[in-house]
PDB file of N, CA and C in Angstrom:
ATOM      1  N   MET A   1      36.442 -27.765  15.041  1.00  0.00           N
ATOM      2  CA  MET A   1      36.079 -28.745  14.056  1.00  0.00           C
ATOM      3  C   MET A   1      35.075 -28.127  13.101  1.00  0.00           C
ATOM      4  N   ASN A   2      35.059 -28.650  11.900  1.00  0.00           N
ATOM      5  CA  ASN A   2      34.160 -28.086  10.906  1.00  0.00           C
ATOM      6  C   ASN A   2      33.537 -29.193  10.059  1.00  0.00           C
ATOM      7  N   LEU A   3      32.716 -28.792   9.111  1.00  0.00           N
ATOM      8  CA  LEU A   3      32.005 -29.739   8.258  1.00  0.00           C
ATOM      9  C   LEU A   3      32.968 -30.629   7.481  1.00  0.00           C
ATOM     10  N   GLU A   4      34.060 -30.059   7.015  1.00  0.00           N
ATOM     11  CA  GLU A   4      35.042 -30.851   6.259  1.00  0.00           C
ATOM     12  C   GLU A   4      35.619 -31.973   7.129  1.00  0.00           C
ATOM     13  N   TYR A   5      35.965 -31.659   8.360  1.00  0.00           N
ATOM     14  CA  TYR A   5      36.506 -32.659   9.285  1.00  0.00           C
ATOM     15  C   TYR A   5      35.496 -33.782   9.521  1.00  0.00           C
ATOM     16  N   PHE A   6      34.254 -33.402   9.839  1.00  0.00           N
ATOM     17  CA  PHE A   6      33.235 -34.405  10.124  1.00  0.00           C
ATOM     18  C   PHE A   6      32.915 -35.241   8.888  1.00  0.00           C
ATOM     19  N   SER A   7      32.871 -34.608   7.722  1.00  0.00           N
ATOM     20  CA  SER A   7      32.608 -35.346   6.485  1.00  0.00           C
ATOM     21  C   SER A   7      33.710 -36.353   6.204  1.00  0.00           C
ATOM     22  N   GLN A   8      34.957 -35.939   6.388  1.00  0.00           N
ATOM     23  CA  GLN A   8      36.081 -36.845   6.147  1.00  0.00           C
ATOM     24  C   GLN A   8      36.064 -38.004   7.137  1.00  0.00           C
ATOM     25  N   ARG A   9      35.753 -37.697   8.366  1.00  0.00           N
ATOM     26  CA  ARG A   9      35.701 -38.764   9.373  1.00  0.00           C
ATOM     27  C   ARG A   9      34.582 -39.753   9.056  1.00  0.00           C
ATOM     28  N   ALA A  10      33.436 -39.249   8.597  1.00  0.00           N
ATOM     29  CA  ALA A  10      32.330 -40.132   8.214  1.00  0.00           C
ATOM     30  C   ALA A  10      32.724 -41.004   7.023  1.00  0.00           C
ATOM     31  N   LEU A  11      33.412 -40.419   6.046  1.00  0.00           N
ATOM     32  CA  LEU A  11      33.885 -41.210   4.903  1.00  0.00           C
ATOM     33  C   LEU A  11      34.857 -42.292   5.343  1.00  0.00           C
ATOM     34  N   ASN A  12      35.755 -41.961   6.240  1.00  0.00           N
ATOM     35  CA  ASN A  12      36.710 -42.953   6.740  1.00  0.00           C
ATOM     36  C   ASN A  12      35.991 -44.112   7.425  1.00  0.00           C
ATOM     37  N   LEU A  13      34.976 -43.799   8.211  1.00  0.00           N
ATOM     38  CA  LEU A  13      34.206 -44.855   8.867  1.00  0.00           C
ATOM     39  C   LEU A  13      33.444 -45.694   7.846  1.00  0.00           C
ATOM     40  N   MET A  14      32.916 -45.034   6.818  1.00  0.00           N
ATOM     41  CA  MET A  14      32.187 -45.758   5.787  1.00  0.00           C
ATOM     42  C   MET A  14      33.119 -46.696   5.020  1.00  0.00           C
ATOM     43  N   TYR A  15      34.276 -46.194   4.617  1.00  0.00           N
ATOM     44  CA  TYR A  15      35.220 -47.019   3.866  1.00  0.00           C
ATOM     45  C   TYR A  15      35.784 -48.160   4.699  1.00  0.00           C
ATOM     46  N   SER A  16      35.835 -47.997   5.999  1.00  0.00           N
ATOM     47  CA  SER A  16      36.340 -49.073   6.853  1.00  0.00           C
ATOM     48  C   SER A  16      35.270 -50.138   7.101  1.00  0.00           C
ATOM     49  N   GLY A  17      34.059 -49.894   6.631  1.00  0.00           N
ATOM     50  CA  GLY A  17      32.986 -50.871   6.760  1.00  0.00           C
ATOM     51  C   GLY A  17      32.151 -50.741   8.014  1.00  0.00           C
ATOM     52  N   VAL A  18      32.389 -49.709   8.780  1.00  0.00           N
ATOM     53  CA  VAL A  18      31.661 -49.522  10.034  1.00  0.00           C
ATOM     54  C   VAL A  18      30.270 -48.938   9.783  1.00  0.00           C
ATOM     55  N   LEU A  19      30.157 -48.040   8.814  1.00  0.00           N
ATOM     56  CA  LEU A  19      28.866 -47.417   8.513  1.00  0.00           C
ATOM     57  C   LEU A  19      28.178 -48.173   7.384  1.00  0.00           C
ATOM     58  N   TYR A  20      26.973 -48.598   7.627  1.00  0.00           N
ATOM     59  CA  TYR A  20      26.181 -49.281   6.619  1.00  0.00           C
ATOM     60  C   TYR A  20      24.715 -49.079   6.957  1.00  0.00           C
ATOM     61  N   ARG A  21      23.868 -49.133   5.987  1.00  0.00           N
ATOM     62  CA  ARG A  21      22.417 -48.992   6.096  1.00  0.00           C
ATOM     63  C   ARG A  21      21.965 -47.944   7.094  1.00  0.00           C
ATOM     64  N   GLU A  22      21.377 -48.392   8.204  1.00  0.00           N
ATOM     65  CA  GLU A  22      20.804 -47.446   9.167  1.00  0.00           C
ATOM     66  C   GLU A  22      21.857 -46.518   9.751  1.00  0.00           C
ATOM     67  N   ARG A  23      23.033 -47.054  10.004  1.00  0.00           N
ATOM     68  CA  ARG A  23      24.104 -46.226  10.566  1.00  0.00           C
ATOM     69  C   ARG A  23      24.506 -45.131   9.588  1.00  0.00           C
ATOM     70  N   LEU A  24      24.608 -45.476   8.333  1.00  0.00           N
ATOM     71  CA  LEU A  24      24.980 -44.497   7.313  1.00  0.00           C
ATOM     72  C   LEU A  24      23.912 -43.415   7.202  1.00  0.00           C
ATOM     73  N   ALA A  25      22.656 -43.825   7.216  1.00  0.00           N
ATOM     74  CA  ALA A  25      21.558 -42.862   7.140  1.00  0.00           C
ATOM     75  C   ALA A  25      21.561 -41.933   8.355  1.00  0.00           C
ATOM     76  N   GLU A  26      21.821 -42.488   9.524  1.00  0.00           N
ATOM     77  CA  GLU A  26      21.850 -41.678  10.747  1.00  0.00           C
ATOM     78  C   GLU A  26      22.972 -40.640  10.699  1.00  0.00           C
ATOM     79  N   VAL A  27      24.157 -41.066  10.270  1.00  0.00           N
ATOM     80  CA  VAL A  27      25.290 -40.142  10.195  1.00  0.00           C
ATOM     81  C   VAL A  27      25.051 -39.100   9.107  1.00  0.00           C
ATOM     82  N   TYR A  28      24.463 -39.505   7.986  1.00  0.00           N
ATOM     83  CA  TYR A  28      24.165 -38.551   6.916  1.00  0.00           C
ATOM     84  C   TYR A  28      23.189 -37.484   7.418  1.00  0.00           C
ATOM     85  N   CYS A  29      22.149 -37.905   8.102  1.00  0.00           N
ATOM     86  CA  CYS A  29      21.176 -36.943   8.640  1.00  0.00           C
ATOM     87  C   CYS A  29      21.827 -36.005   9.653  1.00  0.00           C
ATOM     88  N   ALA A  30      22.713 -36.550  10.462  1.00  0.00           N
ATOM     89  CA  ALA A  30      23.419 -35.709  11.433  1.00  0.00           C
ATOM     90  C   ALA A  30      24.304 -34.694  10.713  1.00  0.00           C
ATOM     91  N   LEU A  31      25.001 -35.132   9.654  1.00  0.00           N
ATOM     92  CA  LEU A  31      25.844 -34.204   8.882  1.00  0.00           C
ATOM     93  C   LEU A  31      25.011 -33.090   8.251  1.00  0.00           C
ATOM     94  N   LYS A  32      23.861 -33.454   7.688  1.00  0.00           N
ATOM     95  CA  LYS A  32      23.003 -32.441   7.072  1.00  0.00           C
ATOM     96  C   LYS A  32      22.464 -31.470   8.128  1.00  0.00           C
ATOM     97  N   SER A  33      22.124 -31.984   9.294  1.00  0.00           N
ATOM     98  CA  SER A  33      21.655 -31.113  10.379  1.00  0.00           C
ATOM     99  C   SER A  33      22.763 -30.182  10.843  1.00  0.00           C
ATOM    100  N   TYR A  34      23.971 -30.718  10.936  1.00  0.00           N
ATOM    101  CA  TYR A  34      25.118 -29.901  11.338  1.00  0.00           C
ATOM    102  C   TYR A  34      25.368 -28.807  10.301  1.00  0.00           C
ATOM    103  N   GLU A  35      25.292 -29.185   9.033  1.00  0.00           N
ATOM    104  CA  GLU A  35      25.508 -28.222   7.949  1.00  0.00           C
ATOM    105  C   GLU A  35      24.477 -27.093   8.005  1.00  0.00           C
ATOM    106  N   ALA A  36      23.246 -27.434   8.369  1.00  0.00           N
ATOM    107  CA  ALA A  36      22.177 -26.440   8.446  1.00  0.00           C
ATOM    108  C   ALA A  36      22.193 -25.658   9.756  1.00  0.00           C
ATOM    109  N   GLY A  37      23.073 -26.046  10.680  1.00  0.00           N
ATOM    110  CA  GLY A  37      23.154 -25.347  11.959  1.00  0.00           C
ATOM    111  C   GLY A  37      22.191 -25.867  13.004  1.00  0.00           C
ATOM    112  N   GLY A  38      21.590 -27.014  12.740  1.00  0.00           N
ATOM    113  CA  GLY A  38      20.608 -27.572  13.658  1.00  0.00           C
ATOM    114  C   GLY A  38      21.196 -28.300  14.851  1.00  0.00           C
ATOM    115  N   ILE A  39      22.449 -28.737  14.742  1.00  0.00           N
ATOM    116  CA  ILE A  39      23.094 -29.418  15.862  1.00  0.00           C
ATOM    117  C   ILE A  39      24.489 -28.840  16.070  1.00  0.00           C
ATOM    118  N   SER A  40      24.995 -29.032  17.259  1.00  0.00           N
ATOM    119  CA  SER A  40      26.296 -28.461  17.621  1.00  0.00           C
ATOM    120  C   SER A  40      27.445 -29.398  17.261  1.00  0.00           C
ATOM    121  N   ASP A  41      28.664 -28.883  17.429  1.00  0.00           N
ATOM    122  CA  ASP A  41      29.870 -29.690  17.213  1.00  0.00           C
ATOM    123  C   ASP A  41      29.872 -30.921  18.118  1.00  0.00           C
ATOM    124  N   LYS A  42      29.453 -30.730  19.362  1.00  0.00           N
ATOM    125  CA  LYS A  42      29.467 -31.840  20.323  1.00  0.00           C
ATOM    126  C   LYS A  42      28.545 -32.973  19.888  1.00  0.00           C
ATOM    127  N   VAL A  43      27.373 -32.627  19.412  1.00  0.00           N
ATOM    128  CA  VAL A  43      26.419 -33.650  18.967  1.00  0.00           C
ATOM    129  C   VAL A  43      26.956 -34.372  17.739  1.00  0.00           C
ATOM    130  N   MET A  44      27.559 -33.630  16.822  1.00  0.00           N
ATOM    131  CA  MET A  44      28.127 -34.251  15.623  1.00  0.00           C
ATOM    132  C   MET A  44      29.282 -35.160  16.004  1.00  0.00           C
ATOM    133  N   GLN A  45      30.114 -34.713  16.924  1.00  0.00           N
ATOM    134  CA  GLN A  45      31.229 -35.536  17.396  1.00  0.00           C
ATOM    135  C   GLN A  45      30.700 -36.822  18.031  1.00  0.00           C
ATOM    136  N   TYR A  46      29.657 -36.689  18.824  1.00  0.00           N
ATOM    137  CA  TYR A  46      29.042 -37.854  19.462  1.00  0.00           C
ATOM    138  C   TYR A  46      28.506 -38.828  18.418  1.00  0.00           C
ATOM    139  N   ALA A  47      27.855 -38.297  17.382  1.00  0.00           N
ATOM    140  CA  ALA A  47      27.296 -39.155  16.332  1.00  0.00           C
ATOM    141  C   ALA A  47      28.380 -39.993  15.664  1.00  0.00           C
ATOM    142  N   LEU A  48      29.543 -39.419  15.454  1.00  0.00           N
ATOM    143  CA  LEU A  48      30.636 -40.158  14.819  1.00  0.00           C
ATOM    144  C   LEU A  48      31.364 -41.058  15.813  1.00  0.00           C
ATOM    145  N   ASP A  49      31.536 -40.599  17.035  1.00  0.00           N
ATOM    146  CA  ASP A  49      32.217 -41.409  18.051  1.00  0.00           C
ATOM    147  C   ASP A  49      31.467 -42.704  18.340  1.00  0.00           C
ATOM    148  N   ARG A  50      30.150 -42.669  18.215  1.00  0.00           N
ATOM    149  CA  ARG A  50      29.346 -43.863  18.485  1.00  0.00           C
ATOM    150  C   ARG A  50      29.750 -45.034  17.607  1.00  0.00           C
ATOM    151  N   TYR A  51      30.215 -44.754  16.403  1.00  0.00           N
ATOM    152  CA  TYR A  51      30.527 -45.823  15.460  1.00  0.00           C
ATOM    153  C   TYR A  51      32.013 -46.075  15.288  1.00  0.00           C
ATOM    154  N   ASP A  52      32.822 -45.352  16.000  1.00  0.00           N
ATOM    155  CA  ASP A  52      34.259 -45.613  15.970  1.00  0.00           C
ATOM    156  C   ASP A  52      34.480 -46.945  16.680  1.00  0.00           C
ATOM    157  N   PRO A  53      35.114 -47.916  16.016  1.00  0.00           N
ATOM    158  CA  PRO A  53      35.279 -49.242  16.625  1.00  0.00           C
ATOM    159  C   PRO A  53      35.954 -49.215  17.999  1.00  0.00           C
ATOM    160  N   GLU A  54      36.819 -48.266  18.228  1.00  0.00           N
ATOM    161  CA  GLU A  54      37.504 -48.184  19.521  1.00  0.00           C
ATOM    162  C   GLU A  54      36.633 -47.551  20.602  1.00  0.00           C
ATOM    163  N   LEU A  55      35.644 -46.758  20.206  1.00  0.00           N
ATOM    164  CA  LEU A  55      34.815 -46.037  21.177  1.00  0.00           C
ATOM    165  C   LEU A  55      33.400 -46.579  21.297  1.00  0.00           C
ATOM    166  N   GLU A  56      32.973 -47.431  20.392  1.00  0.00           N
ATOM    167  CA  GLU A  56      31.586 -47.888  20.339  1.00  0.00           C
ATOM    168  C   GLU A  56      31.060 -48.468  21.656  1.00  0.00           C
ATOM    169  N   PRO A  57      31.835 -49.244  22.418  1.00  0.00           N
ATOM    170  CA  PRO A  57      31.303 -49.775  23.683  1.00  0.00           C
ATOM    171  C   PRO A  57      30.905 -48.692  24.698  1.00  0.00           C
ATOM    172  N   LEU A  58      31.373 -47.489  24.519  1.00  0.00           N
ATOM    173  CA  LEU A  58      31.043 -46.407  25.447  1.00  0.00           C
ATOM    174  C   LEU A  58      29.685 -45.784  25.168  1.00  0.00           C
ATOM    175  N   PHE A  59      29.053 -46.129  24.025  1.00  0.00           N
ATOM    176  CA  PHE A  59      27.813 -45.481  23.599  1.00  0.00           C
ATOM    177  C   PHE A  59      26.721 -46.526  23.360  1.00  0.00           C
ATOM    178  N   PRO A  60      26.081 -47.036  24.427  1.00  0.00           N
ATOM    179  CA  PRO A  60      25.097 -48.104  24.254  1.00  0.00           C
ATOM    180  C   PRO A  60      23.719 -47.636  23.781  1.00  0.00           C
ATOM    181  N   PHE A  61      23.472 -46.332  23.749  1.00  0.00           N
ATOM    182  CA  PHE A  61      22.142 -45.836  23.428  1.00  0.00           C
ATOM    183  C   PHE A  61      22.127 -45.141  22.068  1.00  0.00           C
ATOM    184  N   PRO A  62      20.978 -45.185  21.363  1.00  0.00           N
ATOM    185  CA  PRO A  62      20.883 -44.523  20.053  1.00  0.00           C
ATOM    186  C   PRO A  62      20.946 -43.000  20.172  1.00  0.00           C
ATOM    187  N   LEU A  63      21.357 -42.378  19.081  1.00  0.00           N
ATOM    188  CA  LEU A  63      21.492 -40.921  19.055  1.00  0.00           C
ATOM    189  C   LEU A  63      20.138 -40.235  18.969  1.00  0.00           C
ATOM    190  N   PHE A  64      19.277 -40.704  18.081  1.00  0.00           N
ATOM    191  CA  PHE A  64      17.986 -40.047  17.851  1.00  0.00           C
ATOM    192  C   PHE A  64      16.844 -40.913  18.319  1.00  0.00           C
TER     193      PHE A  64
END
């Protein structure tokens, strides 16, 4: 997976109405950290999976 994949997935979540305010800011910060090499693929995947409507019940705790 790469930055393009994660960016597209974040856009899809945003357009579907799942990402808003704090969630959008959290995902944006995670994307910027991933771009800078501060977090791994797994952490970025987790950040996006948390807000996927089908997977959200599996992630009851905040990322940061």
